[in-house]
Amino acid sequence: KALFMRKDPPVDQAYLHTTYLLDIAEKSNVKVLNKPSSIRSWNEKISILQFDTLIPKTLVTANPGIVKQFFKDHGDIILKPLDGMGGKNIFRVSEFEKNLNVILEIMTNHGHQMIMAQQYIPEIKLGDKRIVIIEGKPFPYALARIPMQGETRGNLASGGQGVAQALSKRDMEIATIVGKKLLSEGLHFVGIDVIGDYLTEINVTSPTGIVELF
């Protein structure tokens, strides 16, 4: 018997309650994909920090002042909520941004909610690559999600155009390292996002891209 867990984020209380029930199913010899406890453990944004040599300059904090210093150091950054999907509520902040204070007030709930800040990767113009990994092995083609003109986000839900691309040597390197680790954690079917030479996200809940690639 097997059960394929595939529910979109957010990983809220209802989602967590479902994974607790699936923990019990596992104890009754039901094969659950992906492992419920690992879905809980591998936050789709924060988990990239376990691969610090593969990611761009990245910060997780609820402190607006620390984010402002990160912006001062890097000049062009991306701000993301930790529980979003589909490109929702993602902001690019460049040197001409006049609303950083307001953006941070809203995103951090006045310093009470953590967010992620990442150095902007110019290669996003060539596509945000979704790489599907099955049983620790990357599928040889990625779905490159290319942003609309004037957009920063490549997500299909944000209007990006999906184009199949063969994995580069660097793509394969990243996917192999990440895939091996995730498989050891009981995560059999996952998606990772790569921009340029950098890992930017790990999707363990409901990876997209299979339909578009086939």
Foldseek 3Di string as FASTA:
>chain_A
DEAEFADADDCDPVNLVVLVVVVVVVVVVYHYAQNSVVLVVQQFFVNCVVVVVFAADKDKFLDLVVVVVVCVVQQWKKKFASRDDQPPLIDIDHNPDPCSVVSSCVRSVNSPGMIMMGRQDVQCQVFWWKWKAALLATDQKTWGQHDDVPDSDRGVSNVTDTDIDGDDPLSRVVSNVVSVVVNVVRNGIWIWIDGDNHTRTIGRHHDDDPVVVD
